[in-house]
PDB file of N, CA and C in Angstrom:
ATOM      1  N   MET A   1      -5.031 -12.097   7.776  1.00  0.00           N
ATOM      2  CA  MET A   1      -4.784 -10.703   7.477  1.00  0.00           C
ATOM      3  C   MET A   1      -5.915  -9.863   8.059  1.00  0.00           C
ATOM      4  N   ASP A   2      -5.539  -8.782   8.674  1.00  0.00           N
ATOM      5  CA  ASP A   2      -6.490  -7.931   9.360  1.00  0.00           C
ATOM      6  C   ASP A   2      -6.505  -6.551   8.707  1.00  0.00           C
ATOM      7  N   PRO A   3      -7.679  -6.032   8.329  1.00  0.00           N
ATOM      8  CA  PRO A   3      -7.724  -4.725   7.686  1.00  0.00           C
ATOM      9  C   PRO A   3      -7.421  -3.570   8.629  1.00  0.00           C
ATOM     10  N   HIS A   4      -7.513  -3.821   9.942  1.00  0.00           N
ATOM     11  CA  HIS A   4      -7.231  -2.767  10.902  1.00  0.00           C
ATOM     12  C   HIS A   4      -5.752  -2.400  10.826  1.00  0.00           C
ATOM     13  N   GLY A   5      -5.491  -1.114  10.741  1.00  0.00           N
ATOM     14  CA  GLY A   5      -4.110  -0.657  10.649  1.00  0.00           C
ATOM     15  C   GLY A   5      -3.576  -0.601   9.234  1.00  0.00           C
ATOM     16  N   LEU A   6      -4.395  -0.958   8.253  1.00  0.00           N
ATOM     17  CA  LEU A   6      -3.954  -0.958   6.861  1.00  0.00           C
ATOM     18  C   LEU A   6      -3.520   0.446   6.429  1.00  0.00           C
ATOM     19  N   LYS A   7      -4.352   1.439   6.717  1.00  0.00           N
ATOM     20  CA  LYS A   7      -4.026   2.812   6.320  1.00  0.00           C
ATOM     21  C   LYS A   7      -2.754   3.276   7.025  1.00  0.00           C
ATOM     22  N   GLU A   8      -2.618   2.956   8.294  1.00  0.00           N
ATOM     23  CA  GLU A   8      -1.430   3.365   9.042  1.00  0.00           C
ATOM     24  C   GLU A   8      -0.169   2.751   8.438  1.00  0.00           C
ATOM     25  N   ARG A   9      -0.230   1.469   8.114  1.00  0.00           N
ATOM     26  CA  ARG A   9       0.937   0.809   7.493  1.00  0.00           C
ATOM     27  C   ARG A   9       1.279   1.466   6.162  1.00  0.00           C
ATOM     28  N   ARG A  10       0.252   1.776   5.391  1.00  0.00           N
ATOM     29  CA  ARG A  10       0.479   2.411   4.092  1.00  0.00           C
ATOM     30  C   ARG A  10       1.095   3.795   4.264  1.00  0.00           C
ATOM     31  N   MET A  11       0.572   4.557   5.189  1.00  0.00           N
ATOM     32  CA  MET A  11       1.060   5.928   5.380  1.00  0.00           C
ATOM     33  C   MET A  11       2.469   5.942   5.977  1.00  0.00           C
ATOM     34  N   VAL A  12       2.754   5.056   6.911  1.00  0.00           N
ATOM     35  CA  VAL A  12       4.100   4.966   7.485  1.00  0.00           C
ATOM     36  C   VAL A  12       5.112   4.636   6.393  1.00  0.00           C
ATOM     37  N   ALA A  13       4.704   3.809   5.447  1.00  0.00           N
ATOM     38  CA  ALA A  13       5.583   3.428   4.341  1.00  0.00           C
ATOM     39  C   ALA A  13       5.688   4.533   3.289  1.00  0.00           C
ATOM     40  N   GLY A  14       4.821   5.555   3.386  1.00  0.00           N
ATOM     41  CA  GLY A  14       4.863   6.649   2.420  1.00  0.00           C
ATOM     42  C   GLY A  14       4.307   6.274   1.060  1.00  0.00           C
ATOM     43  N   ILE A  15       3.334   5.376   1.057  1.00  0.00           N
ATOM     44  CA  ILE A  15       2.750   4.899  -0.199  1.00  0.00           C
ATOM     45  C   ILE A  15       1.363   5.540  -0.376  1.00  0.00           C
ATOM     46  N   ALA A  16       1.148   6.162  -1.509  1.00  0.00           N
ATOM     47  CA  ALA A  16      -0.138   6.794  -1.796  1.00  0.00           C
ATOM     48  C   ALA A  16      -1.226   5.744  -1.997  1.00  0.00           C
ATOM     49  N   GLY A  17      -2.408   6.053  -1.517  1.00  0.00           N
ATOM     50  CA  GLY A  17      -3.541   5.152  -1.683  1.00  0.00           C
ATOM     51  C   GLY A  17      -3.831   4.857  -3.145  1.00  0.00           C
ATOM     52  N   ARG A  18      -3.632   5.853  -3.992  1.00  0.00           N
ATOM     53  CA  ARG A  18      -3.866   5.672  -5.429  1.00  0.00           C
ATOM     54  C   ARG A  18      -2.985   4.562  -5.990  1.00  0.00           C
ATOM     55  N   LEU A  19      -1.736   4.497  -5.515  1.00  0.00           N
ATOM     56  CA  LEU A  19      -0.829   3.454  -6.000  1.00  0.00           C
ATOM     57  C   LEU A  19      -1.292   2.067  -5.567  1.00  0.00           C
ATOM     58  N   VAL A  20      -1.721   1.954  -4.311  1.00  0.00           N
ATOM     59  CA  VAL A  20      -2.222   0.665  -3.821  1.00  0.00           C
ATOM     60  C   VAL A  20      -3.470   0.286  -4.595  1.00  0.00           C
ATOM     61  N   SER A  21      -4.330   1.267  -4.815  1.00  0.00           N
ATOM     62  CA  SER A  21      -5.562   1.033  -5.565  1.00  0.00           C
ATOM     63  C   SER A  21      -5.249   0.539  -6.982  1.00  0.00           C
ATOM     64  N   ASP A  22      -4.375   1.253  -7.662  1.00  0.00           N
ATOM     65  CA  ASP A  22      -4.010   0.861  -9.029  1.00  0.00           C
ATOM     66  C   ASP A  22      -3.380  -0.530  -9.065  1.00  0.00           C
ATOM     67  N   ARG A  23      -2.476  -0.789  -8.135  1.00  0.00           N
ATOM     68  CA  ARG A  23      -1.740  -2.058  -8.122  1.00  0.00           C
ATOM     69  C   ARG A  23      -2.634  -3.243  -7.751  1.00  0.00           C
ATOM     70  N   SER A  24      -3.599  -3.005  -6.868  1.00  0.00           N
ATOM     71  CA  SER A  24      -4.464  -4.090  -6.397  1.00  0.00           C
ATOM     72  C   SER A  24      -5.688  -4.305  -7.271  1.00  0.00           C
ATOM     73  N   GLY A  25      -6.011  -3.308  -8.111  1.00  0.00           N
ATOM     74  CA  GLY A  25      -7.204  -3.415  -8.944  1.00  0.00           C
ATOM     75  C   GLY A  25      -8.485  -3.124  -8.179  1.00  0.00           C
ATOM     76  N   ILE A  26      -8.354  -2.505  -7.021  1.00  0.00           N
ATOM     77  CA  ILE A  26      -9.504  -2.132  -6.198  1.00  0.00           C
ATOM     78  C   ILE A  26      -9.683  -0.626  -6.331  1.00  0.00           C
ATOM     79  N   THR A  27     -10.903  -0.174  -6.516  1.00  0.00           N
ATOM     80  CA  THR A  27     -11.104   1.251  -6.713  1.00  0.00           C
ATOM     81  C   THR A  27     -10.618   2.041  -5.502  1.00  0.00           C
ATOM     82  N   ARG A  28     -10.237   3.275  -5.754  1.00  0.00           N
ATOM     83  CA  ARG A  28      -9.735   4.133  -4.678  1.00  0.00           C
ATOM     84  C   ARG A  28     -10.814   4.334  -3.621  1.00  0.00           C
ATOM     85  N   SER A  29     -12.060   4.514  -4.047  1.00  0.00           N
ATOM     86  CA  SER A  29     -13.131   4.722  -3.070  1.00  0.00           C
ATOM     87  C   SER A  29     -13.344   3.476  -2.209  1.00  0.00           C
ATOM     88  N   ARG A  30     -13.251   2.296  -2.810  1.00  0.00           N
ATOM     89  CA  ARG A  30     -13.412   1.061  -2.044  1.00  0.00           C
ATOM     90  C   ARG A  30     -12.250   0.904  -1.048  1.00  0.00           C
ATOM     91  N   LEU A  31     -11.038   1.190  -1.486  1.00  0.00           N
ATOM     92  CA  LEU A  31      -9.885   1.117  -0.590  1.00  0.00           C
ATOM     93  C   LEU A  31     -10.068   2.074   0.583  1.00  0.00           C
ATOM     94  N   CYS A  32     -10.537   3.263   0.309  1.00  0.00           N
ATOM     95  CA  CYS A  32     -10.770   4.250   1.361  1.00  0.00           C
ATOM     96  C   CYS A  32     -11.802   3.733   2.369  1.00  0.00           C
ATOM     97  N   GLU A  33     -12.879   3.146   1.876  1.00  0.00           N
ATOM     98  CA  GLU A  33     -13.906   2.586   2.764  1.00  0.00           C
ATOM     99  C   GLU A  33     -13.343   1.458   3.622  1.00  0.00           C
ATOM    100  N   ILE A  34     -12.480   0.641   3.036  1.00  0.00           N
ATOM    101  CA  ILE A  34     -11.859  -0.458   3.773  1.00  0.00           C
ATOM    102  C   ILE A  34     -10.923   0.099   4.840  1.00  0.00           C
ATOM    103  N   GLU A  35     -10.092   1.068   4.454  1.00  0.00           N
ATOM    104  CA  GLU A  35      -9.142   1.646   5.396  1.00  0.00           C
ATOM    105  C   GLU A  35      -9.834   2.332   6.574  1.00  0.00           C
ATOM    106  N   ARG A  36     -10.981   2.900   6.323  1.00  0.00           N
ATOM    107  CA  ARG A  36     -11.731   3.592   7.384  1.00  0.00           C
ATOM    108  C   ARG A  36     -12.649   2.654   8.154  1.00  0.00           C
ATOM    109  N   ASN A  37     -12.591   1.376   7.825  1.00  0.00           N
ATOM    110  CA  ASN A  37     -13.414   0.350   8.472  1.00  0.00           C
ATOM    111  C   ASN A  37     -14.913   0.602   8.290  1.00  0.00           C
ATOM    112  N   TYR A  38     -15.275   1.206   7.163  1.00  0.00           N
ATOM    113  CA  TYR A  38     -16.688   1.401   6.837  1.00  0.00           C
ATOM    114  C   TYR A  38     -17.289   0.130   6.264  1.00  0.00           C
ATOM    115  N   VAL A  39     -16.444  -0.666   5.617  1.00  0.00           N
ATOM    116  CA  VAL A  39     -16.882  -1.935   5.030  1.00  0.00           C
ATOM    117  C   VAL A  39     -15.871  -3.013   5.381  1.00  0.00           C
ATOM    118  N   GLN A  40     -16.333  -4.237   5.390  1.00  0.00           N
ATOM    119  CA  GLN A  40     -15.460  -5.380   5.639  1.00  0.00           C
ATOM    120  C   GLN A  40     -15.030  -5.947   4.286  1.00  0.00           C
ATOM    121  N   PRO A  41     -13.729  -5.944   3.997  1.00  0.00           N
ATOM    122  CA  PRO A  41     -13.275  -6.475   2.710  1.00  0.00           C
ATOM    123  C   PRO A  41     -13.388  -7.993   2.676  1.00  0.00           C
ATOM    124  N   SER A  42     -13.549  -8.501   1.479  1.00  0.00           N
ATOM    125  CA  SER A  42     -13.500  -9.954   1.325  1.00  0.00           C
ATOM    126  C   SER A  42     -12.056 -10.399   1.543  1.00  0.00           C
ATOM    127  N   ASP A  43     -11.877 -11.673   1.790  1.00  0.00           N
ATOM    128  CA  ASP A  43     -10.524 -12.200   1.964  1.00  0.00           C
ATOM    129  C   ASP A  43      -9.681 -11.949   0.720  1.00  0.00           C
ATOM    130  N   LYS A  44     -10.299 -12.080  -0.441  1.00  0.00           N
ATOM    131  CA  LYS A  44      -9.582 -11.875  -1.699  1.00  0.00           C
ATOM    132  C   LYS A  44      -9.153 -10.409  -1.851  1.00  0.00           C
ATOM    133  N   GLU A  45     -10.052  -9.484  -1.517  1.00  0.00           N
ATOM    134  CA  GLU A  45      -9.698  -8.064  -1.591  1.00  0.00           C
ATOM    135  C   GLU A  45      -8.535  -7.753  -0.655  1.00  0.00           C
ATOM    136  N   LEU A  46      -8.629  -8.247   0.556  1.00  0.00           N
ATOM    137  CA  LEU A  46      -7.592  -7.984   1.540  1.00  0.00           C
ATOM    138  C   LEU A  46      -6.256  -8.572   1.090  1.00  0.00           C
ATOM    139  N   GLU A  47      -6.293  -9.748   0.517  1.00  0.00           N
ATOM    140  CA  GLU A  47      -5.075 -10.366  -0.004  1.00  0.00           C
ATOM    141  C   GLU A  47      -4.460  -9.518  -1.111  1.00  0.00           C
ATOM    142  N   ARG A  48      -5.301  -9.013  -2.011  1.00  0.00           N
ATOM    143  CA  ARG A  48      -4.813  -8.177  -3.117  1.00  0.00           C
ATOM    144  C   ARG A  48      -4.211  -6.872  -2.597  1.00  0.00           C
ATOM    145  N   ILE A  49      -4.854  -6.266  -1.594  1.00  0.00           N
ATOM    146  CA  ILE A  49      -4.342  -5.028  -1.018  1.00  0.00           C
ATOM    147  C   ILE A  49      -3.009  -5.279  -0.329  1.00  0.00           C
ATOM    148  N   GLU A  50      -2.956  -6.321   0.481  1.00  0.00           N
ATOM    149  CA  GLU A  50      -1.725  -6.648   1.202  1.00  0.00           C
ATOM    150  C   GLU A  50      -0.584  -6.935   0.235  1.00  0.00           C
ATOM    151  N   GLN A  51      -0.858  -7.673  -0.822  1.00  0.00           N
ATOM    152  CA  GLN A  51       0.174  -7.999  -1.808  1.00  0.00           C
ATOM    153  C   GLN A  51       0.655  -6.727  -2.515  1.00  0.00           C
ATOM    154  N   ALA A  52      -0.287  -5.877  -2.911  1.00  0.00           N
ATOM    155  CA  ALA A  52       0.079  -4.634  -3.586  1.00  0.00           C
ATOM    156  C   ALA A  52       0.928  -3.757  -2.674  1.00  0.00           C
ATOM    157  N   LEU A  53       0.520  -3.637  -1.423  1.00  0.00           N
ATOM    158  CA  LEU A  53       1.267  -2.813  -0.479  1.00  0.00           C
ATOM    159  C   LEU A  53       2.676  -3.377  -0.264  1.00  0.00           C
ATOM    160  N   ALA A  54       2.789  -4.680  -0.116  1.00  0.00           N
ATOM    161  CA  ALA A  54       4.105  -5.308   0.064  1.00  0.00           C
ATOM    162  C   ALA A  54       5.004  -5.060  -1.146  1.00  0.00           C
ATOM    163  N   GLU A  55       4.457  -5.187  -2.349  1.00  0.00           N
ATOM    164  CA  GLU A  55       5.237  -4.966  -3.563  1.00  0.00           C
ATOM    165  C   GLU A  55       5.697  -3.514  -3.663  1.00  0.00           C
ATOM    166  N   LEU A  56       4.799  -2.585  -3.326  1.00  0.00           N
ATOM    167  CA  LEU A  56       5.144  -1.169  -3.405  1.00  0.00           C
ATOM    168  C   LEU A  56       6.177  -0.780  -2.349  1.00  0.00           C
ATOM    169  N   ILE A  57       6.068  -1.348  -1.167  1.00  0.00           N
ATOM    170  CA  ILE A  57       7.059  -1.071  -0.120  1.00  0.00           C
ATOM    171  C   ILE A  57       8.426  -1.603  -0.564  1.00  0.00           C
ATOM    172  N   LYS A  58       8.444  -2.792  -1.117  1.00  0.00           N
ATOM    173  CA  LYS A  58       9.702  -3.370  -1.598  1.00  0.00           C
ATOM    174  C   LYS A  58      10.297  -2.492  -2.701  1.00  0.00           C
ATOM    175  N   ALA A  59       9.477  -2.018  -3.622  1.00  0.00           N
ATOM    176  CA  ALA A  59       9.956  -1.160  -4.707  1.00  0.00           C
ATOM    177  C   ALA A  59      10.496   0.154  -4.149  1.00  0.00           C
ATOM    178  N   ARG A  60       9.793   0.711  -3.175  1.00  0.00           N
ATOM    179  CA  ARG A  60      10.253   1.965  -2.561  1.00  0.00           C
ATOM    180  C   ARG A  60      11.607   1.755  -1.883  1.00  0.00           C
ATOM    181  N   GLU A  61      11.771   0.647  -1.201  1.00  0.00           N
ATOM    182  CA  GLU A  61      13.053   0.345  -0.544  1.00  0.00           C
ATOM    183  C   GLU A  61      14.170   0.215  -1.573  1.00  0.00           C
ATOM    184  N   ARG A  62      13.872  -0.413  -2.691  1.00  0.00           N
ATOM    185  CA  ARG A  62      14.875  -0.585  -3.755  1.00  0.00           C
ATOM    186  C   ARG A  62      15.263   0.764  -4.359  1.00  0.00           C
ATOM    187  N   VAL A  63      14.281   1.627  -4.576  1.00  0.00           N
ATOM    188  CA  VAL A  63      14.563   2.970  -5.102  1.00  0.00           C
ATOM    189  C   VAL A  63      15.466   3.728  -4.129  1.00  0.00           C
ATOM    190  N   ALA A  64      15.156   3.645  -2.835  1.00  0.00           N
ATOM    191  CA  ALA A  64      15.972   4.317  -1.830  1.00  0.00           C
ATOM    192  C   ALA A  64      17.393   3.762  -1.824  1.00  0.00           C
ATOM    193  N   GLU A  65      17.511   2.460  -2.001  1.00  0.00           N
ATOM    194  CA  GLU A  65      18.827   1.821  -2.042  1.00  0.00           C
ATOM    195  C   GLU A  65      19.641   2.330  -3.228  1.00  0.00           C
ATOM    196  N   VAL A  66      19.026   2.366  -4.394  1.00  0.00           N
ATOM    197  CA  VAL A  66      19.728   2.849  -5.598  1.00  0.00           C
ATOM    198  C   VAL A  66      20.074   4.325  -5.442  1.00  0.00           C
ATOM    199  N   ALA A  67      19.169   5.101  -4.912  1.00  0.00           N
ATOM    200  CA  ALA A  67      19.429   6.529  -4.705  1.00  0.00           C
ATOM    201  C   ALA A  67      20.628   6.712  -3.777  1.00  0.00           C
ATOM    202  N   SER A  68      20.692   5.912  -2.737  1.00  0.00           N
ATOM    203  CA  SER A  68      21.815   5.989  -1.791  1.00  0.00           C
ATOM    204  C   SER A  68      23.125   5.625  -2.478  1.00  0.00           C
ATOM    205  N   GLU A  69      23.074   4.628  -3.344  1.00  0.00           N
ATOM    206  CA  GLU A  69      24.290   4.193  -4.048  1.00  0.00           C
ATOM    207  C   GLU A  69      24.869   5.295  -4.929  1.00  0.00           C
ATOM    208  N   VAL A  70      24.016   6.121  -5.490  1.00  0.00           N
ATOM    209  CA  VAL A  70      24.486   7.177  -6.392  1.00  0.00           C
ATOM    210  C   VAL A  70      24.573   8.545  -5.702  1.00  0.00           C
ATOM    211  N   GLY A  71      24.278   8.571  -4.391  1.00  0.00           N
ATOM    212  CA  GLY A  71      24.391   9.800  -3.635  1.00  0.00           C
ATOM    213  C   GLY A  71      23.228  10.760  -3.807  1.00  0.00           C
ATOM    214  N   TRP A  72      22.103  10.232  -4.176  1.00  0.00           N
ATOM    215  CA  TRP A  72      20.902  11.053  -4.365  1.00  0.00           C
ATOM    216  C   TRP A  72      20.089  11.010  -3.078  1.00  0.00           C
ATOM    217  N   PRO A  73      20.004  12.135  -2.366  1.00  0.00           N
ATOM    218  CA  PRO A  73      19.262  12.124  -1.102  1.00  0.00           C
ATOM    219  C   PRO A  73      17.763  11.929  -1.305  1.00  0.00           C
ATOM    220  N   MET A  74      17.184  11.144  -0.451  1.00  0.00           N
ATOM    221  CA  MET A  74      15.734  10.917  -0.524  1.00  0.00           C
ATOM    222  C   MET A  74      15.103  11.280   0.787  1.00  0.00           C
TER     223      MET A  74
END
Protein backbone atom coordinates (compact mmCIF):
# COMPACT_ATOMS: atom_id res chain seq x y z
CA MET A 1 0.00 0.00 0.00
CA ASP A 2 1.31 3.38 -1.00
CA PRO A 3 0.29 6.61 0.76
CA HIS A 4 0.84 8.61 -2.43
CA GLY A 5 -2.49 9.45 -4.00
CA LEU A 6 -4.42 8.71 -0.81
CA LYS A 7 -5.98 12.18 -0.66
CA GLU A 8 -6.84 12.08 -4.37
CA ARG A 9 -8.57 8.70 -4.01
CA ARG A 10 -10.51 9.99 -1.01
CA MET A 11 -11.56 13.19 -2.74
CA VAL A 12 -12.54 11.46 -6.00
CA ALA A 13 -14.75 9.17 -3.92
CA GLY A 14 -16.30 12.21 -2.21
CA ILE A 15 -15.35 11.04 1.26
CA ALA A 16 -14.56 13.65 3.93
CA GLY A 17 -11.25 13.33 5.72
CA ARG A 18 -13.08 13.52 9.04
CA LEU A 19 -14.96 10.33 8.19
CA VAL A 20 -11.77 8.46 7.29
CA SER A 21 -10.17 9.79 10.45
CA ASP A 22 -13.08 8.71 12.64
CA ARG A 23 -13.37 5.30 10.98
CA SER A 24 -9.63 4.55 11.08
CA GLY A 25 -9.01 5.87 14.60
CA ILE A 26 -6.27 8.16 13.30
CA THR A 27 -6.47 11.81 14.24
CA ARG A 28 -7.54 14.23 11.53
CA SER A 29 -4.27 16.15 11.83
CA ARG A 30 -2.22 12.95 11.44
CA LEU A 31 -4.28 11.92 8.39
CA CYS A 32 -3.71 15.35 6.88
CA GLU A 33 0.06 15.06 7.44
CA ILE A 34 0.04 11.62 5.81
CA GLU A 35 -2.01 12.79 2.84
CA ARG A 36 0.33 15.73 2.28
CA ASN A 37 3.36 13.42 2.51
CA TYR A 38 4.73 15.37 5.48
CA VAL A 39 5.15 12.14 7.44
CA GLN A 40 5.57 8.50 6.51
CA PRO A 41 2.75 6.40 8.01
CA SER A 42 3.46 3.10 9.63
CA ASP A 43 2.25 0.03 7.78
CA LYS A 44 -0.47 -0.39 10.40
CA GLU A 45 -1.67 3.21 10.01
CA LEU A 46 -1.77 2.88 6.25
CA GLU A 47 -3.68 -0.39 6.51
CA ARG A 48 -6.24 1.22 8.84
CA ILE A 49 -6.67 4.21 6.51
CA GLU A 50 -7.02 2.02 3.43
CA GLN A 51 -9.56 -0.22 5.16
CA ALA A 52 -11.58 2.75 6.42
CA LEU A 53 -11.59 4.36 2.98
CA ALA A 54 -12.66 1.10 1.30
CA GLU A 55 -15.50 0.63 3.80
CA LEU A 56 -16.70 4.21 3.36
CA ILE A 57 -16.57 3.99 -0.44
CA LYS A 58 -18.58 0.76 -0.31
CA ALA A 59 -21.14 2.39 2.02
CA ARG A 60 -21.40 5.43 -0.26
CA GLU A 61 -22.00 3.15 -3.26
CA ARG A 62 -24.73 1.30 -1.36
CA VAL A 63 -26.43 4.57 -0.38
CA ALA A 64 -26.35 5.68 -4.02
CA GLU A 65 -27.82 2.34 -5.06
CA VAL A 66 -30.69 2.60 -2.58
CA ALA A 67 -31.31 6.22 -3.53
CA SER A 68 -31.52 5.19 -7.19
CA GLU A 69 -33.97 2.41 -6.35
CA VAL A 70 -36.37 4.87 -4.73
CA GLY A 71 -35.83 7.63 -7.28
CA TRP A 72 -33.90 9.95 -5.00
CA PRO A 73 -31.34 11.87 -7.05
CA MET A 74 -27.85 12.05 -5.64
